[in-house]
């Protein structure tokens, strides 16, 4: 694990080419403003090994489905994509680093839809420890650098004839390295924004690495590592899609906390053409069962079905 620098906020232009494994660099941001009836996820993925970049915006605004996907050659022929401060753009969806680890801006404009989202630091970033294979050799299929951060968000959305202002808490992550999900059985990825804290925790089942559980808690006092994640129960709706989920986490001090996620809206994203791998992006209300505190966040279920 390398020490993070301001440079790590930007694209990592070089990468090892000694294998044919998939090498990706991903940026992710979300927004969940229940009062404004606006939720969404924004994802940028650069595939260095294939020379492609995927731009993805998925969500719901005012009950209407918001979606945009673009798959382009990368490096882009438009060299303005590399100007200072701009990390990624396809001409419609753009990510800008205003101040590393502190300020980011995402804009989108296509037809009559516009977004202008300004993210600012809420807590310090948390850097994950890279996964290694059981024999202590790096698994090149899931060897990544990865950090995440809780944010404040304010912005404007123009969509379906509505002009909406967004003010809420949010979340982002950034990862780069070898990342091949074909060997993964499934995962639960949870990102919660409470007034008192940001929590992120994951439980992934891999054919090679087995079960991986980790995460973190961010507060004004700093970051604390989550060492185990238990998925106690998942209750599906009549379509067979996850609606309620119950989790228990254990932090580095041995303290256990129970959380319940209750979906209030969602988007479902097929991850392959055969629709045998599905990602259920649940926008959920979370309850800390120990304190009664409630918050909003993402309860993501990836399943090979």
Protein backbone atom coordinates (compact mmCIF):
# COMPACT_ATOMS: atom_id res chain seq x y z
CA UNK A 1 0.00 0.00 0.00
CA UNK A 2 1.48 3.31 -1.11
CA UNK A 3 1.07 6.54 0.84
CA UNK A 4 -1.54 8.71 -0.85
CA UNK A 5 -0.48 11.98 -2.44
CA UNK A 6 -2.35 14.75 -4.23
CA UNK A 7 -1.18 13.16 -7.49
CA UNK A 8 -3.21 10.04 -6.70
CA UNK A 9 -6.41 12.00 -7.21
CA UNK A 10 -5.60 12.20 -10.91
CA UNK A 11 -5.37 9.53 -13.57
CA UNK A 12 -2.51 7.06 -13.25
CA UNK A 13 -1.22 7.11 -16.80
CA UNK A 14 1.29 4.28 -16.54
CA UNK A 15 0.57 0.69 -15.56
CA UNK A 16 2.40 -2.67 -15.73
CA UNK A 17 1.86 -4.55 -18.99
CA UNK A 18 3.49 -7.88 -18.12
CA UNK A 19 0.13 -9.67 -17.92
CA UNK A 20 -3.11 -9.69 -19.85
CA UNK A 21 -5.21 -9.08 -16.75
CA UNK A 22 -7.82 -6.34 -16.71
CA UNK A 23 -6.44 -3.04 -15.45
CA UNK A 24 -8.98 -0.37 -14.48
CA UNK A 25 -9.13 3.04 -12.89
CA UNK A 26 -12.52 3.87 -11.40
CA UNK A 27 -14.08 6.99 -9.91
CA UNK A 28 -17.45 6.85 -8.15
CA UNK A 29 -19.70 9.53 -6.62
CA UNK A 30 -23.28 9.40 -5.39
CA UNK A 31 -26.07 11.76 -4.36
CA UNK A 32 -29.06 10.99 -2.15
CA UNK A 33 -31.34 13.92 -1.34
CA UNK A 34 -34.64 12.41 -0.27
CA UNK A 35 -36.32 15.78 0.32
CA UNK A 36 -35.48 16.85 -3.24
CA UNK A 37 -36.50 13.40 -4.52
CA UNK A 38 -33.15 13.06 -6.29
CA UNK A 39 -30.82 10.08 -6.04
CA UNK A 40 -28.06 8.83 -8.25
CA UNK A 41 -24.68 7.23 -8.80
CA UNK A 42 -21.98 8.48 -11.15
CA UNK A 43 -19.24 6.13 -12.28
CA UNK A 44 -16.21 6.56 -14.53
CA UNK A 45 -14.19 3.49 -15.50
CA UNK A 46 -11.03 3.53 -17.61
CA UNK A 47 -9.86 0.19 -19.00
CA UNK A 48 -6.16 0.64 -19.75
CA UNK A 49 -5.79 -2.87 -21.18
CA UNK A 50 -8.49 -2.34 -23.82
CA UNK A 51 -8.18 1.42 -24.33
CA UNK A 52 -11.82 2.15 -23.45
CA UNK A 53 -13.58 4.41 -20.97
CA UNK A 54 -17.14 3.98 -19.69
CA UNK A 55 -19.11 6.97 -18.40
CA UNK A 56 -22.20 6.10 -16.39
CA UNK A 57 -24.93 8.14 -14.68
CA UNK A 58 -27.87 6.29 -13.13
CA UNK A 59 -30.60 7.52 -10.81
CA UNK A 60 -34.08 8.83 -10.25
CA UNK A 61 -35.23 12.45 -10.07
CA UNK A 62 -38.82 13.33 -9.26
CA UNK A 63 -39.73 9.68 -9.73
CA UNK A 64 -38.40 9.66 -13.30
CA UNK A 65 -35.53 7.39 -14.37
CA UNK A 66 -32.30 9.24 -15.14
CA UNK A 67 -29.73 7.27 -17.13
CA UNK A 68 -26.73 7.91 -19.35
CA UNK A 69 -24.00 5.52 -20.54
CA UNK A 70 -21.20 6.14 -22.98
CA UNK A 71 -18.37 3.82 -23.98
CA UNK A 72 -15.56 5.59 -25.83
CA UNK A 73 -11.97 5.06 -26.91
CA UNK A 74 -9.40 6.21 -24.36
CA UNK A 75 -7.15 8.15 -24.46
CA UNK A 76 -9.71 10.52 -25.89
CA UNK A 77 -8.91 12.22 -29.19
CA UNK A 78 -9.99 15.52 -27.63
CA UNK A 79 -6.89 16.51 -25.68
CA UNK A 80 -8.89 18.97 -23.54
CA UNK A 81 -9.84 15.86 -21.56
CA UNK A 82 -6.38 16.10 -20.00
CA UNK A 83 -6.32 19.79 -19.14
CA UNK A 84 -5.30 20.71 -15.61
CA UNK A 85 -7.97 19.88 -13.05
CA UNK A 86 -10.07 17.77 -15.41
CA UNK A 87 -9.77 14.06 -14.82
CA UNK A 88 -12.38 12.71 -17.22
CA UNK A 89 -14.81 14.01 -19.80
CA UNK A 90 -16.63 12.67 -22.82
CA UNK A 91 -18.09 16.05 -23.72
CA UNK A 92 -21.26 15.46 -21.68
CA UNK A 93 -20.22 14.01 -18.33
CA UNK A 94 -17.16 15.59 -16.68
CA UNK A 95 -15.24 15.07 -13.43
CA UNK A 96 -13.00 17.89 -12.21
CA UNK A 97 -10.57 17.86 -9.28
CA UNK A 98 -10.83 21.37 -7.88
CA UNK A 99 -8.63 20.70 -4.84
CA UNK A 100 -7.21 17.20 -4.24
CA UNK A 101 -8.95 15.28 -1.44
CA UNK A 102 -11.11 18.33 -0.68
CA UNK A 103 -13.17 19.62 -3.62
CA UNK A 104 -14.60 17.91 -6.71
CA UNK A 105 -17.09 18.96 -9.34
CA UNK A 106 -19.20 16.83 -11.65
CA UNK A 107 -21.15 18.37 -14.51
CA UNK A 108 -23.41 16.82 -17.10
CA UNK A 109 -25.23 18.34 -20.05
CA UNK A 110 -27.12 16.54 -22.77
CA UNK A 111 -30.31 17.67 -24.50
CA UNK A 112 -32.44 19.30 -21.77
CA UNK A 113 -30.75 17.57 -18.83
CA UNK A 114 -28.10 19.39 -16.78
CA UNK A 115 -26.31 18.58 -13.54
CA UNK A 116 -23.83 20.72 -11.64
CA UNK A 117 -22.70 18.93 -8.48
CA UNK A 118 -20.12 20.34 -6.08
CA UNK A 119 -18.60 17.94 -3.57
CA UNK A 120 -16.53 19.07 -0.57
CA UNK A 121 -14.59 17.17 2.06
CA UNK A 122 -16.56 16.05 5.12
CA UNK A 123 -13.98 13.66 6.57
CA UNK A 124 -10.47 12.56 5.66
CA UNK A 125 -10.11 9.83 3.03
CA UNK A 126 -9.73 6.24 4.17
CA UNK A 127 -7.23 4.08 2.30
CA UNK A 128 -7.95 0.37 2.07
CA UNK A 129 -5.25 -2.28 2.45
CA UNK A 130 -4.86 -4.25 -0.81
CA UNK A 131 -6.19 -7.83 -0.78
CA UNK A 132 -3.71 -10.68 -1.13
CA UNK A 133 -4.19 -14.31 -2.04
CA UNK A 134 -4.14 -17.02 0.68
CA UNK A 135 -0.59 -18.05 -0.32
CA UNK A 136 0.50 -14.44 0.32
CA UNK A 137 1.13 -13.84 -3.36
CA UNK A 138 -0.74 -10.91 -4.80
CA UNK A 139 -3.86 -11.94 -6.69
CA UNK A 140 -3.36 -9.96 -9.87
CA UNK A 141 -7.10 -10.17 -10.58
CA UNK A 142 -7.97 -8.05 -7.53
CA UNK A 143 -4.80 -6.09 -6.72
CA UNK A 144 -5.87 -2.47 -6.41
CA UNK A 145 -5.17 0.78 -4.62
CA UNK A 146 -8.43 2.09 -3.21
CA UNK A 147 -9.66 4.93 -1.04
CA UNK A 148 -13.06 6.38 -0.10
CA UNK A 149 -14.40 9.54 1.52
CA UNK A 150 -17.53 11.04 3.06
CA UNK A 151 -18.60 14.34 1.49
CA UNK A 152 -20.94 17.30 1.58
CA UNK A 153 -22.80 18.03 -1.66
CA UNK A 154 -24.63 21.01 -3.05
CA UNK A 155 -25.73 21.35 -6.62
CA UNK A 156 -28.42 21.86 -9.20
CA UNK A 157 -30.27 19.40 -11.42
CA UNK A 158 -32.42 20.21 -14.44
CA UNK A 159 -34.33 17.14 -15.55
CA UNK A 160 -37.76 16.27 -16.97
CA UNK A 161 -38.84 19.90 -16.88
CA UNK A 162 -37.88 20.35 -13.23
CA UNK A 163 -35.18 22.48 -11.64
CA UNK A 164 -34.00 20.98 -8.36
CA UNK A 165 -31.46 22.10 -5.81
CA UNK A 166 -29.55 19.38 -3.96
CA UNK A 167 -28.05 19.74 -0.49
CA UNK A 168 -27.08 16.50 1.20
CA UNK A 169 -24.32 14.23 2.40
CA UNK A 170 -22.57 12.04 -0.15
CA UNK A 171 -19.77 9.59 -0.77
CA UNK A 172 -17.00 8.86 -3.27
CA UNK A 173 -14.33 6.30 -4.03
CA UNK A 174 -11.33 6.04 -6.32
CA UNK A 175 -9.44 2.86 -7.22
CA UNK A 176 -6.86 1.74 -9.74
CA UNK A 177 -5.09 -1.48 -10.57
CA UNK A 178 -5.92 -5.04 -11.64
CA UNK A 179 -9.62 -5.65 -11.23
CA UNK A 180 -11.36 -8.64 -12.74
CA UNK A 181 -14.77 -9.32 -11.21
CA UNK A 182 -15.34 -12.50 -13.23
CA UNK A 183 -14.07 -14.61 -10.31
CA UNK A 184 -16.42 -12.99 -7.80
CA UNK A 185 -19.52 -14.83 -6.65
CA UNK A 186 -21.16 -11.69 -5.27
CA UNK A 187 -20.82 -8.79 -2.89
CA UNK A 188 -22.62 -6.49 -0.49
CA UNK A 189 -21.31 -2.91 -0.59
CA UNK A 190 -22.77 -0.43 1.90
CA UNK A 191 -22.12 3.30 2.19
CA UNK A 192 -24.10 5.17 4.90
CA UNK A 193 -24.24 8.85 5.73
CA UNK A 194 -25.28 9.59 9.31
CA UNK A 195 -25.12 13.10 10.74
CA UNK A 196 -22.46 11.79 13.12
CA UNK A 197 -20.43 9.61 10.76
CA UNK A 198 -19.77 8.07 7.36
CA UNK A 199 -19.66 4.28 7.24
CA UNK A 200 -18.52 2.09 4.40
CA UNK A 201 -18.31 -1.68 4.62
CA UNK A 202 -18.18 -4.56 2.18
CA UNK A 203 -18.44 -8.32 2.13
CA UNK A 204 -17.22 -9.97 -1.07
CA UNK A 205 -17.14 -13.65 -1.94
CA UNK A 206 -14.42 -14.64 -4.43
CA UNK A 207 -13.60 -18.05 -5.90
CA UNK A 208 -9.89 -17.52 -5.26
CA UNK A 209 -9.76 -15.26 -2.20
CA UNK A 210 -12.77 -16.62 -0.34
CA UNK A 211 -14.71 -14.18 1.84
CA UNK A 212 -13.33 -10.65 2.18
CA UNK A 213 -14.79 -8.34 4.84
CA UNK A 214 -13.62 -4.82 5.57
CA UNK A 215 -14.63 -1.20 5.86
CA UNK A 216 -14.27 1.95 7.91
CA UNK A 217 -16.04 4.51 10.09
CA UNK A 218 -15.24 8.20 9.62
CA UNK A 219 -16.03 10.82 12.28
CA UNK A 220 -14.61 14.17 13.36
CA UNK A 221 -12.19 12.13 15.49
CA UNK A 222 -10.71 10.35 12.47
CA UNK A 223 -11.06 6.97 10.78
CA UNK A 224 -11.58 3.58 12.38
CA UNK A 225 -11.23 0.27 10.54
CA UNK A 226 -14.05 -2.27 10.30
CA UNK A 227 -12.60 -5.78 10.44
CA UNK A 228 -15.62 -8.08 9.99
CA UNK A 229 -18.94 -7.73 8.18
CA UNK A 230 -21.82 -10.16 8.67
CA UNK A 231 -24.83 -10.33 6.36
CA UNK A 232 -27.49 -11.55 8.75
CA UNK A 233 -30.55 -11.48 6.52
CA UNK A 234 -31.70 -10.24 3.11
CA UNK A 235 -35.44 -9.98 2.47
CA UNK A 236 -36.52 -9.86 -1.16
CA UNK A 237 -39.63 -8.27 -2.64
CA UNK A 238 -42.13 -10.12 -4.84
CA UNK A 239 -39.78 -9.65 -7.83
CA UNK A 240 -37.00 -11.42 -6.01
CA UNK A 241 -35.01 -8.19 -5.60
CA UNK A 242 -33.39 -7.26 -2.26
CA UNK A 243 -35.52 -4.84 -0.25
CA UNK A 244 -34.39 -5.11 3.39
CA UNK A 245 -30.96 -6.16 4.60
CA UNK A 246 -29.52 -6.63 8.08
CA UNK A 247 -25.83 -6.39 8.87
CA UNK A 248 -23.47 -6.62 11.84
CA UNK A 249 -20.06 -4.98 11.78
CA UNK A 250 -17.13 -5.31 14.17
CA UNK A 251 -14.63 -2.47 14.38
CA UNK A 252 -10.92 -2.56 15.22
CA UNK A 253 -11.71 -2.17 18.94
CA UNK A 254 -13.99 -5.23 18.91
CA UNK A 255 -17.23 -3.22 19.16
CA UNK A 256 -20.19 -4.74 17.30
CA UNK A 257 -23.01 -2.71 15.74
CA UNK A 258 -26.17 -3.86 13.97
CA UNK A 259 -27.63 -1.99 10.99
CA UNK A 260 -30.85 -2.42 9.04
CA UNK A 261 -31.22 -1.12 5.47
CA UNK A 262 -34.72 -0.43 4.11
CA UNK A 263 -34.92 0.40 0.40
CA UNK A 264 -36.99 3.43 -0.61
CA UNK A 265 -36.03 3.42 -4.31
CA UNK A 266 -33.52 1.65 -6.53
CA UNK A 267 -31.98 1.18 -9.93
CA UNK A 268 -31.09 -2.25 -11.27
CA UNK A 269 -28.05 -2.53 -13.54
CA UNK A 270 -27.18 -5.65 -15.57
CA UNK A 271 -23.41 -6.19 -15.53
CA UNK A 272 -23.32 -8.39 -18.63
CA UNK A 273 -25.38 -8.85 -21.76
CA UNK A 274 -26.74 -12.20 -20.63
CA UNK A 275 -28.16 -10.56 -17.50
CA UNK A 276 -26.64 -13.32 -15.38
CA UNK A 277 -24.78 -10.80 -13.23
CA UNK A 278 -26.95 -8.09 -11.71
CA UNK A 279 -26.18 -5.09 -9.55
CA UNK A 280 -29.04 -3.88 -7.35
CA UNK A 281 -28.37 -0.28 -6.34
CA UNK A 282 -30.70 0.28 -3.40
CA UNK A 283 -31.08 3.79 -2.07
CA UNK A 284 -31.97 2.98 1.50
CA UNK A 285 -32.70 4.35 4.93
CA UNK A 286 -30.36 2.82 7.49
CA UNK A 287 -30.98 2.39 11.19
CA UNK A 288 -28.24 1.91 13.75
CA UNK A 289 -30.01 -0.63 15.93
CA UNK A 290 -27.81 0.25 18.94
CA UNK A 291 -28.54 3.99 18.99
CA UNK A 292 -31.67 4.38 16.86
CA UNK A 293 -29.88 6.91 14.64
CA UNK A 294 -31.06 6.91 11.02
CA UNK A 295 -29.21 7.88 7.88
CA UNK A 296 -29.32 7.49 4.12
CA UNK A 297 -27.04 5.58 1.82
CA UNK A 298 -26.36 2.88 -0.73
CA UNK A 299 -27.11 -0.79 -0.07
CA UNK A 300 -25.62 -2.48 -3.14
CA UNK A 301 -26.08 -6.16 -3.90
CA UNK A 302 -24.09 -7.74 -6.73
CA UNK A 303 -25.25 -11.23 -7.56
CA UNK A 304 -24.33 -13.84 -10.14
CA UNK A 305 -27.69 -15.46 -10.83
